[in-house]
Amino acid sequence: EMQLVESGGGLVQPGGSLRLSCAASGFIFETAVMNWVRQAPGKGPEWISGSALGRTFYRDSVKGRFTISRDNSKNTVDLQMNSLKPEDTAVYYCVQGAGFWGQGTQVTVSS
């Protein structure tokens, strides 16, 4: 059974940092495309970062602030988020390339 479990969300002040983690199981992680997608209140899903075969990809609005990393020995993919802005507030989802989603973790950036 495929599973993606996100953790690490929370409330942070503008300019702060959070690190999200996604633990994967039930599929061959090493070769899987792994993405982070977020959904802000009242808006549609927004892809923000991906990792595949040693390469990483970012949405322009998070380049230089967010870093995706993965540990294939632990089947985890993390998203380090720095210099957070109120507009980064959203539910963040870990998504396996074939379209399987985790349950999401809430990130709220507010003073």
C-alpha atoms as a PDB file:
ATOM      1  CA  GLU A   1       0.000   0.000   0.000  1.00  0.00           C
ATOM      2  CA  MET A   2       1.413   3.362  -0.991  1.00  0.00           C
ATOM      3  CA  GLN A   3       1.745   5.930   1.774  1.00  0.00           C
ATOM      4  CA  LEU A   4       3.017   9.488   1.990  1.00  0.00           C
ATOM      5  CA  VAL A   5       3.070  11.106   5.417  1.00  0.00           C
ATOM      6  CA  GLU A   6       3.990  14.760   5.752  1.00  0.00           C
ATOM      7  CA  SER A   7       5.160  16.451   8.924  1.00  0.00           C
ATOM      8  CA  GLY A   8       6.764  19.682  10.068  1.00  0.00           C
ATOM      9  CA  GLY A   9       4.099  22.265   9.380  1.00  0.00           C
ATOM     10  CA  GLY A  10       3.112  24.943  11.835  1.00  0.00           C
ATOM     11  CA  LEU A  11       2.831  28.642  12.560  1.00  0.00           C
ATOM     12  CA  VAL A  12       5.840  30.826  11.821  1.00  0.00           C
ATOM     13  CA  GLN A  13       6.453  34.555  11.648  1.00  0.00           C
ATOM     14  CA  PRO A  14       7.301  36.249   8.364  1.00  0.00           C
ATOM     15  CA  GLY A  15      10.982  35.778   7.616  1.00  0.00           C
ATOM     16  CA  GLY A  16      11.105  32.554   9.571  1.00  0.00           C
ATOM     17  CA  SER A  17      11.891  29.016   8.497  1.00  0.00           C
ATOM     18  CA  LEU A  18      10.230  25.619   8.545  1.00  0.00           C
ATOM     19  CA  ARG A  19      11.336  22.218   7.368  1.00  0.00           C
ATOM     20  CA  LEU A  20       8.722  19.840   6.007  1.00  0.00           C
ATOM     21  CA  SER A  21       9.352  16.144   5.728  1.00  0.00           C
ATOM     22  CA  CYS A  22       7.579  13.419   3.779  1.00  0.00           C
ATOM     23  CA  ALA A  23       8.004   9.750   4.612  1.00  0.00           C
ATOM     24  CA  ALA A  24       7.182   7.432   1.728  1.00  0.00           C
ATOM     25  CA  SER A  25       6.418   3.730   1.559  1.00  0.00           C
ATOM     26  CA  GLY A  26       4.834   1.172  -0.713  1.00  0.00           C
ATOM     27  CA  PHE A  27       6.695   2.006  -3.940  1.00  0.00           C
ATOM     28  CA  ILE A  28      10.225   2.189  -5.318  1.00  0.00           C
ATOM     29  CA  PHE A  29      11.261   5.548  -3.932  1.00  0.00           C
ATOM     30  CA  GLU A  30      14.710   5.876  -5.484  1.00  0.00           C
ATOM     31  CA  THR A  31      13.402   6.283  -9.020  1.00  0.00           C
ATOM     32  CA  ALA A  32      10.187   8.100  -8.153  1.00  0.00           C
ATOM     33  CA  VAL A  33       9.551  11.707  -9.087  1.00  0.00           C
ATOM     34  CA  MET A  34       8.649  13.464  -5.848  1.00  0.00           C
ATOM     35  CA  ASN A  35       6.951  16.834  -5.681  1.00  0.00           C
ATOM     36  CA  TRP A  36       5.758  19.347  -3.164  1.00  0.00           C
ATOM     37  CA  VAL A  37       2.447  21.011  -4.014  1.00  0.00           C
ATOM     38  CA  ARG A  38       0.592  23.571  -1.949  1.00  0.00           C
ATOM     39  CA  GLN A  39      -2.946  24.815  -1.807  1.00  0.00           C
ATOM     40  CA  ALA A  40      -3.808  28.152  -0.269  1.00  0.00           C
ATOM     41  CA  PRO A  41      -7.300  28.884   1.043  1.00  0.00           C
ATOM     42  CA  GLY A  42      -9.702  29.506  -1.809  1.00  0.00           C
ATOM     43  CA  LYS A  43      -7.118  28.694  -4.475  1.00  0.00           C
ATOM     44  CA  GLY A  44      -6.201  25.719  -6.599  1.00  0.00           C
ATOM     45  CA  PRO A  45      -3.166  23.486  -6.090  1.00  0.00           C
ATOM     46  CA  GLU A  46       0.190  25.031  -6.960  1.00  0.00           C
ATOM     47  CA  TRP A  47       3.274  22.954  -7.773  1.00  0.00           C
ATOM     48  CA  ILE A  48       6.305  24.399  -6.020  1.00  0.00           C
ATOM     49  CA  SER A  49       9.180  21.937  -6.209  1.00  0.00           C
ATOM     50  CA  GLY A  50      10.210  18.540  -7.538  1.00  0.00           C
ATOM     51  CA  SER A  51      13.039  16.051  -7.337  1.00  0.00           C
ATOM     52  CA  ALA A  52      13.909  13.352  -9.839  1.00  0.00           C
ATOM     53  CA  LEU A  53      17.045  11.387 -10.684  1.00  0.00           C
ATOM     54  CA  GLY A  54      19.372  13.826  -8.985  1.00  0.00           C
ATOM     55  CA  ARG A  55      17.758  16.933 -10.391  1.00  0.00           C
ATOM     56  CA  THR A  56      15.677  19.507  -8.569  1.00  0.00           C
ATOM     57  CA  PHE A  57      13.092  21.947  -9.850  1.00  0.00           C
ATOM     58  CA  TYR A  58      11.425  24.991  -8.329  1.00  0.00           C
ATOM     59  CA  ARG A  59       8.638  27.397  -8.993  1.00  0.00           C
ATOM     60  CA  ASP A  60      10.027  30.870  -9.595  1.00  0.00           C
ATOM     61  CA  SER A  61       8.301  32.318  -6.536  1.00  0.00           C
ATOM     62  CA  VAL A  62      10.203  29.993  -4.186  1.00  0.00           C
ATOM     63  CA  LYS A  63      13.597  29.842  -5.906  1.00  0.00           C
ATOM     64  CA  GLY A  64      16.359  30.862  -3.537  1.00  0.00           C
ATOM     65  CA  ARG A  65      14.099  30.432  -0.509  1.00  0.00           C
ATOM     66  CA  PHE A  66      13.040  26.772  -0.632  1.00  0.00           C
ATOM     67  CA  THR A  67      15.273  23.731  -1.000  1.00  0.00           C
ATOM     68  CA  ILE A  68      14.074  20.220  -1.767  1.00  0.00           C
ATOM     69  CA  SER A  69      16.195  17.272  -0.715  1.00  0.00           C
ATOM     70  CA  ARG A  70      15.704  13.546  -0.531  1.00  0.00           C
ATOM     71  CA  ASP A  71      17.277  10.637   1.275  1.00  0.00           C
ATOM     72  CA  ASN A  72      16.765   7.520  -0.801  1.00  0.00           C
ATOM     73  CA  SER A  73      18.097   5.330   2.018  1.00  0.00           C
ATOM     74  CA  LYS A  74      15.300   6.544   4.301  1.00  0.00           C
ATOM     75  CA  ASN A  75      12.599   7.089   1.656  1.00  0.00           C
ATOM     76  CA  THR A  76      12.139  10.682   2.691  1.00  0.00           C
ATOM     77  CA  VAL A  77      11.885  13.963   0.828  1.00  0.00           C
ATOM     78  CA  ASP A  78      12.176  17.239   2.690  1.00  0.00           C
ATOM     79  CA  LEU A  79      11.403  20.847   1.889  1.00  0.00           C
ATOM     80  CA  GLN A  80      13.448  23.459   3.704  1.00  0.00           C
ATOM     81  CA  MET A  81      11.598  26.757   3.597  1.00  0.00           C
ATOM     82  CA  ASN A  82      13.401  29.969   4.505  1.00  0.00           C
ATOM     83  CA  SER A  83      12.421  33.633   4.378  1.00  0.00           C
ATOM     84  CA  LEU A  84       8.777  32.668   4.606  1.00  0.00           C
ATOM     85  CA  LYS A  85       6.132  35.146   3.536  1.00  0.00           C
ATOM     86  CA  PRO A  86       2.440  35.395   4.419  1.00  0.00           C
ATOM     87  CA  GLU A  87       1.635  34.348   0.862  1.00  0.00           C
ATOM     88  CA  ASP A  88       3.352  31.010   1.540  1.00  0.00           C
ATOM     89  CA  THR A  89       0.475  30.132   3.858  1.00  0.00           C
ATOM     90  CA  ALA A  90      -1.109  26.937   2.532  1.00  0.00           C
ATOM     91  CA  VAL A  91      -1.549  23.243   3.051  1.00  0.00           C
ATOM     92  CA  TYR A  92       1.575  21.578   1.708  1.00  0.00           C
ATOM     93  CA  TYR A  93       1.308  18.167   0.088  1.00  0.00           C
ATOM     94  CA  CYS A  94       3.911  15.605  -0.831  1.00  0.00           C
ATOM     95  CA  VAL A  95       2.972  14.122  -4.206  1.00  0.00           C
ATOM     96  CA  GLN A  96       4.434  11.088  -5.916  1.00  0.00           C
ATOM     97  CA  GLY A  97       4.910  11.559  -9.637  1.00  0.00           C
ATOM     98  CA  ALA A  98       2.128   9.204 -10.646  1.00  0.00           C
ATOM     99  CA  GLY A  99      -0.361  11.356  -8.777  1.00  0.00           C
ATOM    100  CA  PHE A 100      -0.507   9.891  -5.297  1.00  0.00           C
ATOM    101  CA  TRP A 101      -0.908  12.569  -2.603  1.00  0.00           C
ATOM    102  CA  GLY A 102      -0.190  12.654   1.087  1.00  0.00           C
ATOM    103  CA  GLN A 103      -2.656  14.077   3.585  1.00  0.00           C
ATOM    104  CA  GLY A 104      -0.934  17.454   3.752  1.00  0.00           C
ATOM    105  CA  THR A 105       0.499  19.638   6.488  1.00  0.00           C
ATOM    106  CA  GLN A 106      -0.595  23.184   7.285  1.00  0.00           C
ATOM    107  CA  VAL A 107       1.903  26.029   7.057  1.00  0.00           C
ATOM    108  CA  THR A 108       0.787  29.400   8.370  1.00  0.00           C
ATOM    109  CA  VAL A 109       3.008  32.466   8.055  1.00  0.00           C
ATOM    110  CA  SER A 110       1.707  35.262  10.213  1.00  0.00           C
ATOM    111  CA  SER A 111       2.830  37.766  12.798  1.00  0.00           C
END
